[in-house]
Amino acid sequence: MQDLSFETLLFAFMLTLFAGLSTSVGAMLAFFSKSKNYTILSVGMGFSAGVMIYVSFVEILDKSKDAFSQLYANDLIGESLAVLSFFAGIALSALIDRLIPDDVNPHETKSSSELSELKPQNESFVLKNSSLKRTGIFTALAIGIHNFPEGFATFISALDDPSIGVTIAFAIAIHNIPEGMAVSLPIYHATGDKKSAFWYATLSGLAEPVGAVVGFFLLFPFMGEATLGITFGMVAGIMVYISFDELLPAARVYGNAHTTITGITIGMLVMAISLIAFKLI
């Protein structure tokens, strides 16, 4: 990994903060969108999945293999350990999902009909329901738990390669938008308070930079080829899991098969071009 100057650390942290605060964007979209057409959101989530899937298999998993290969001077061992780390990342994400109830799991996407309930013409209707507010709060906590490892993944990727870090941060930011909706919707319905719903959504996203800082300080004393190999392998696994378990199903909910594959293709193309361009500089 490159020399970790203050500027490098600050840049990586700001990228993670940007990705996390996109939950606030989701809250605002839920409040103020007057259109029932979520095609752009569908394409955007497909784009995010395309970026994550491509960079995970083409770049990040390869970095894991290289780190292990340098440590053991054996490509076969390096590749085997990278694969193990990759599936460990998937297992970690699956475990987090398993521990969170389905009704507050952020991977359970809001449908267009559910989102339409927050249109301006319905602002006078307030559903005073404590259980609904509880759902929103627990959803915020669940998203915070999900965002913790995502924040660390963005941070470490940005430290190793700023160009990849920017792309991953952008992709995670897109996928955080509907999570902000998932938090703000039930809280707004229960309280009629947009500010409260907005801040709960924002706080859930702040788990991203917190995860970056905590993860970094826990692992920095042990940073070496083995730690990098495990970290990059698990980061790739986490992002692939997010793509297939959350982003692609959500893209279908907000659009259709064609908008989803369009987003995926554009995301992969942009990631491929950016990687090639960076290597030519």
Protein backbone atom coordinates (compact mmCIF):
# COMPACT_ATOMS: atom_id res chain seq x y z
CA MET A 1 0.00 0.00 0.00
CA GLN A 2 1.20 3.50 -0.82
CA ASP A 3 2.58 5.96 1.74
CA LEU A 4 -0.27 7.02 4.02
CA SER A 5 0.07 10.79 4.21
CA PHE A 6 -2.49 12.96 5.98
CA GLU A 7 -3.86 14.07 2.60
CA THR A 8 -4.33 10.47 1.51
CA LEU A 9 -6.14 9.54 4.72
CA LEU A 10 -8.35 12.64 4.53
CA PHE A 11 -9.25 11.96 0.90
CA ALA A 12 -10.21 8.36 1.67
CA PHE A 13 -12.25 9.46 4.69
CA MET A 14 -14.11 12.15 2.71
CA LEU A 15 -15.01 9.59 0.04
CA THR A 16 -16.44 7.32 2.73
CA LEU A 17 -18.35 10.21 4.29
CA PHE A 18 -19.79 11.10 0.87
CA ALA A 19 -20.97 7.52 0.35
CA GLY A 20 -22.55 7.36 3.79
CA LEU A 21 -24.40 10.67 3.56
CA SER A 22 -26.19 9.58 0.39
CA THR A 23 -28.80 8.08 2.74
CA SER A 24 -29.83 11.71 3.28
CA VAL A 25 -30.41 12.02 -0.46
CA GLY A 26 -32.70 8.99 -0.28
CA ALA A 27 -34.73 10.59 2.50
CA MET A 28 -35.17 13.80 0.52
CA LEU A 29 -36.15 11.96 -2.65
CA ALA A 30 -38.83 10.07 -0.74
CA PHE A 31 -40.25 13.33 0.59
CA PHE A 32 -40.18 15.51 -2.48
CA SER A 33 -40.35 13.32 -5.58
CA LYS A 34 -43.61 14.02 -7.45
CA SER A 35 -43.09 11.30 -10.04
CA LYS A 36 -43.87 7.62 -9.77
CA ASN A 37 -41.24 6.88 -12.40
CA TYR A 38 -38.17 5.43 -10.74
CA THR A 39 -36.42 4.44 -13.98
CA ILE A 40 -33.38 6.59 -13.22
CA LEU A 41 -33.04 4.98 -9.80
CA SER A 42 -33.31 1.53 -11.40
CA VAL A 43 -30.58 2.31 -13.93
CA GLY A 44 -28.48 3.87 -11.18
CA MET A 45 -28.68 0.80 -8.97
CA GLY A 46 -27.88 -1.45 -11.92
CA PHE A 47 -24.92 0.84 -12.64
CA SER A 48 -23.77 0.52 -9.03
CA ALA A 49 -23.99 -3.28 -9.23
CA GLY A 50 -22.08 -3.31 -12.51
CA VAL A 51 -19.28 -1.24 -11.03
CA MET A 52 -19.04 -3.35 -7.88
CA ILE A 53 -19.14 -6.70 -9.66
CA TYR A 54 -16.60 -5.71 -12.31
CA VAL A 55 -14.09 -4.09 -9.97
CA SER A 56 -14.41 -6.94 -7.45
CA PHE A 57 -13.57 -9.70 -9.92
CA VAL A 58 -11.17 -7.81 -12.20
CA GLU A 59 -9.23 -5.68 -9.75
CA ILE A 60 -9.82 -6.17 -6.01
CA LEU A 61 -9.79 -9.98 -5.93
CA ASP A 62 -6.61 -9.85 -8.03
CA LYS A 63 -5.03 -7.54 -5.44
CA SER A 64 -5.86 -10.10 -2.77
CA LYS A 65 -4.23 -12.87 -4.79
CA ASP A 66 -1.11 -10.76 -5.44
CA ALA A 67 -0.72 -9.92 -1.75
CA PHE A 68 -0.93 -13.58 -0.71
CA SER A 69 1.33 -14.68 -3.60
CA GLN A 70 4.03 -12.22 -2.51
CA LEU A 71 3.75 -13.44 1.07
CA TYR A 72 4.05 -17.14 0.22
CA ALA A 73 5.89 -16.85 -3.11
CA ASN A 74 3.37 -19.21 -4.63
CA ASP A 75 0.59 -18.23 -7.03
CA LEU A 76 -1.54 -21.29 -6.28
CA ILE A 77 -1.50 -20.62 -2.54
CA GLY A 78 -2.13 -16.94 -3.20
CA GLU A 79 -5.15 -17.63 -5.37
CA SER A 80 -6.54 -20.20 -2.95
CA LEU A 81 -6.31 -17.85 0.03
CA ALA A 82 -7.84 -15.03 -2.00
CA VAL A 83 -10.80 -17.25 -2.86
CA LEU A 84 -11.21 -18.22 0.79
CA SER A 85 -11.17 -14.54 1.80
CA PHE A 86 -13.68 -13.74 -0.93
CA PHE A 87 -16.19 -16.29 0.34
CA ALA A 88 -15.48 -15.21 3.92
CA GLY A 89 -16.65 -11.73 2.88
CA ILE A 90 -19.83 -13.22 1.42
CA ALA A 91 -20.35 -15.27 4.58
CA LEU A 92 -19.93 -12.18 6.77
CA SER A 93 -22.53 -10.26 4.77
CA ALA A 94 -24.91 -13.24 4.85
CA LEU A 95 -24.45 -13.58 8.62
CA ILE A 96 -25.32 -9.91 9.15
CA ASP A 97 -28.46 -10.39 7.04
CA ARG A 98 -29.34 -13.53 8.97
CA LEU A 99 -29.17 -11.73 12.31
CA ILE A 100 -31.45 -8.87 11.20
CA PRO A 101 -35.24 -9.46 11.06
CA ASP A 102 -36.73 -9.34 7.57
CA ASP A 103 -39.15 -6.52 8.39
CA VAL A 104 -36.33 -4.08 9.16
CA ASN A 105 -33.66 -5.47 6.82
CA PRO A 106 -32.55 -2.76 4.37
CA HIS A 107 -32.23 -5.42 1.68
CA GLU A 108 -36.03 -5.63 1.65
CA THR A 109 -36.64 -2.97 -0.98
CA LYS A 110 -39.53 -0.50 -0.91
CA SER A 111 -41.85 -0.82 -3.89
CA SER A 112 -43.03 2.06 -6.05
CA SER A 113 -46.49 1.94 -4.44
CA GLU A 114 -44.97 2.22 -0.97
CA LEU A 115 -42.82 5.16 -1.99
CA SER A 116 -45.79 6.96 -3.55
CA GLU A 117 -47.41 7.25 -0.13
CA LEU A 118 -45.11 10.16 0.69
CA LYS A 119 -46.24 12.38 -2.19
CA PRO A 120 -47.13 16.00 -1.30
CA GLN A 121 -50.88 15.46 -1.64
CA ASN A 122 -50.70 13.06 1.29
CA GLU A 123 -48.68 15.27 3.61
CA SER A 124 -51.72 16.08 5.77
CA PHE A 125 -52.21 12.41 6.51
CA VAL A 126 -50.24 11.32 9.57
CA LEU A 127 -50.29 7.79 10.82
CA LYS A 128 -49.68 7.86 14.57
CA ASN A 129 -48.31 4.41 15.05
CA SER A 130 -45.54 3.68 17.55
CA SER A 131 -44.77 0.29 16.02
CA LEU A 132 -44.19 1.96 12.65
CA LYS A 133 -41.74 4.41 14.17
CA ARG A 134 -40.02 1.47 15.86
CA THR A 135 -39.69 -0.20 12.46
CA GLY A 136 -38.01 2.90 11.06
CA ILE A 137 -35.60 3.18 13.98
CA PHE A 138 -34.66 -0.49 13.81
CA THR A 139 -34.23 -0.18 10.06
CA ALA A 140 -31.81 2.69 10.69
CA LEU A 141 -29.85 0.47 13.11
CA ALA A 142 -29.86 -2.40 10.63
CA ILE A 143 -28.56 -0.15 7.86
CA GLY A 144 -25.89 1.15 10.21
CA ILE A 145 -24.71 -2.42 10.80
CA HIS A 146 -24.63 -3.07 7.05
CA ASN A 147 -22.82 0.20 6.36
CA PHE A 148 -20.04 -0.45 8.87
CA PRO A 149 -18.09 -2.98 6.72
CA GLU A 150 -19.02 -1.08 3.55
CA GLY A 151 -17.36 2.03 4.95
CA PHE A 152 -14.19 0.10 5.72
CA ALA A 153 -14.22 -1.39 2.20
CA THR A 154 -14.47 2.05 0.61
CA PHE A 155 -11.78 3.49 2.86
CA ILE A 156 -9.21 0.74 2.30
CA SER A 157 -9.83 0.72 -1.46
CA ALA A 158 -9.30 4.48 -1.62
CA LEU A 159 -6.08 4.24 0.39
CA ASP A 160 -4.65 1.64 -1.98
CA ASP A 161 -5.91 3.17 -5.24
CA PRO A 162 -7.71 6.56 -5.24
CA SER A 163 -9.26 5.99 -8.69
CA ILE A 164 -10.88 2.74 -7.57
CA GLY A 165 -11.87 4.34 -4.28
CA VAL A 166 -13.76 7.11 -6.09
CA THR A 167 -15.66 4.63 -8.25
CA ILE A 168 -16.56 2.37 -5.33
CA ALA A 169 -17.66 5.34 -3.22
CA PHE A 170 -19.93 6.49 -6.04
CA ALA A 171 -21.38 3.00 -6.46
CA ILE A 172 -22.05 2.60 -2.73
CA ALA A 173 -23.56 6.09 -2.62
CA ILE A 174 -26.12 5.08 -5.26
CA HIS A 175 -27.02 1.92 -3.37
CA ASN A 176 -27.44 3.89 -0.13
CA ILE A 177 -30.16 6.12 -1.61
CA PRO A 178 -33.03 3.58 -1.29
CA GLU A 179 -31.75 2.68 2.17
CA GLY A 180 -32.36 6.29 3.19
CA MET A 181 -35.89 5.89 1.84
CA ALA A 182 -36.37 2.72 3.87
CA VAL A 183 -35.53 4.59 7.08
CA SER A 184 -37.42 7.81 6.42
CA LEU A 185 -40.71 6.32 5.19
CA PRO A 186 -41.94 4.57 8.37
CA ILE A 187 -40.66 7.29 10.72
CA TYR A 188 -42.41 10.00 8.72
CA HIS A 189 -45.64 7.98 8.63
CA ALA A 190 -45.50 7.46 12.40
CA THR A 191 -44.60 11.01 13.46
CA GLY A 192 -45.40 13.33 10.54
CA ASP A 193 -41.98 14.88 11.21
CA LYS A 194 -39.76 15.16 8.13
CA LYS A 195 -36.81 16.50 10.09
CA SER A 196 -36.78 13.52 12.44
CA ALA A 197 -37.07 11.06 9.56
CA PHE A 198 -34.28 12.87 7.68
CA TRP A 199 -31.87 12.79 10.61
CA TYR A 200 -32.48 9.12 11.35
CA ALA A 201 -31.64 8.35 7.71
CA THR A 202 -28.53 10.54 7.92
CA LEU A 203 -27.31 8.91 11.14
CA SER A 204 -27.68 5.44 9.63
CA GLY A 205 -25.36 6.51 6.82
CA LEU A 206 -22.73 7.88 9.21
CA ALA A 207 -21.90 4.28 10.11
CA GLU A 208 -19.86 4.27 6.88
CA PRO A 209 -17.15 6.73 8.02
CA VAL A 210 -17.28 5.28 11.54
CA GLY A 211 -16.62 1.84 10.07
CA ALA A 212 -13.73 3.27 8.08
CA VAL A 213 -12.06 4.83 11.11
CA VAL A 214 -12.63 1.94 13.52
CA GLY A 215 -11.61 -0.69 10.98
CA PHE A 216 -8.48 1.22 10.03
CA PHE A 217 -7.23 1.69 13.59
CA LEU A 218 -7.96 -1.94 14.46
CA LEU A 219 -6.04 -3.28 11.47
CA PHE A 220 -3.32 -0.65 10.98
CA PRO A 221 -0.93 -2.16 13.59
CA PHE A 222 -1.14 -5.48 11.72
CA MET A 223 -1.06 -4.05 8.20
CA GLY A 224 1.02 -6.28 5.94
CA GLU A 225 0.63 -8.55 2.93
CA ALA A 226 -1.51 -11.06 4.84
CA THR A 227 -3.83 -8.37 6.21
CA LEU A 228 -4.13 -6.74 2.79
CA GLY A 229 -4.84 -10.09 1.15
CA ILE A 230 -7.61 -10.92 3.62
CA THR A 231 -9.04 -7.39 3.50
CA PHE A 232 -9.19 -7.13 -0.28
CA GLY A 233 -10.60 -10.64 -0.64
CA MET A 234 -13.35 -9.92 1.89
CA VAL A 235 -14.06 -6.50 0.36
CA ALA A 236 -14.63 -8.18 -3.00
CA GLY A 237 -16.94 -10.73 -1.41
CA ILE A 238 -18.93 -8.07 0.47
CA MET A 239 -19.45 -5.99 -2.68
CA VAL A 240 -20.50 -8.98 -4.79
CA TYR A 241 -22.98 -10.01 -2.10
CA ILE A 242 -24.41 -6.49 -1.94
CA SER A 243 -24.78 -6.45 -5.72
CA PHE A 244 -26.64 -9.74 -6.06
CA ASP A 245 -28.61 -9.67 -2.83
CA GLU A 246 -29.65 -6.01 -2.75
CA LEU A 247 -28.85 -3.91 -5.80
CA LEU A 248 -30.06 -6.15 -8.62
CA PRO A 249 -33.38 -7.11 -6.97
CA ALA A 250 -33.95 -3.44 -6.09
CA ALA A 251 -33.18 -2.35 -9.64
CA ARG A 252 -35.91 -4.71 -10.87
CA VAL A 253 -38.40 -3.31 -8.34
CA TYR A 254 -37.76 0.29 -9.38
CA GLY A 255 -37.65 -0.49 -13.11
CA ASN A 256 -37.58 -3.64 -15.22
CA ALA A 257 -35.18 -6.16 -16.74
CA HIS A 258 -34.11 -3.75 -19.48
CA THR A 259 -33.33 -0.83 -17.17
CA THR A 260 -31.41 -3.17 -14.89
CA ILE A 261 -29.18 -4.68 -17.57
CA THR A 262 -28.64 -1.23 -19.08
CA GLY A 263 -27.35 0.04 -15.76
CA ILE A 264 -25.17 -3.03 -15.23
CA THR A 265 -23.60 -2.75 -18.68
CA ILE A 266 -22.92 0.97 -18.36
CA GLY A 267 -21.44 0.46 -14.90
CA MET A 268 -19.08 -2.27 -16.09
CA LEU A 269 -18.09 -0.23 -19.15
CA VAL A 270 -17.33 2.88 -17.12
CA MET A 271 -15.31 0.84 -14.61
CA ALA A 272 -13.37 -0.92 -17.38
CA ILE A 273 -12.55 2.35 -19.15
CA SER A 274 -11.53 4.05 -15.92
CA LEU A 275 -9.18 1.19 -14.98
CA ILE A 276 -7.55 1.21 -18.42
CA ALA A 277 -7.25 5.01 -18.44
CA PHE A 278 -5.64 5.01 -15.00
CA LYS A 279 -3.03 2.48 -16.13
CA LEU A 280 -2.19 4.66 -19.17
CA ILE A 281 -1.52 7.74 -17.03
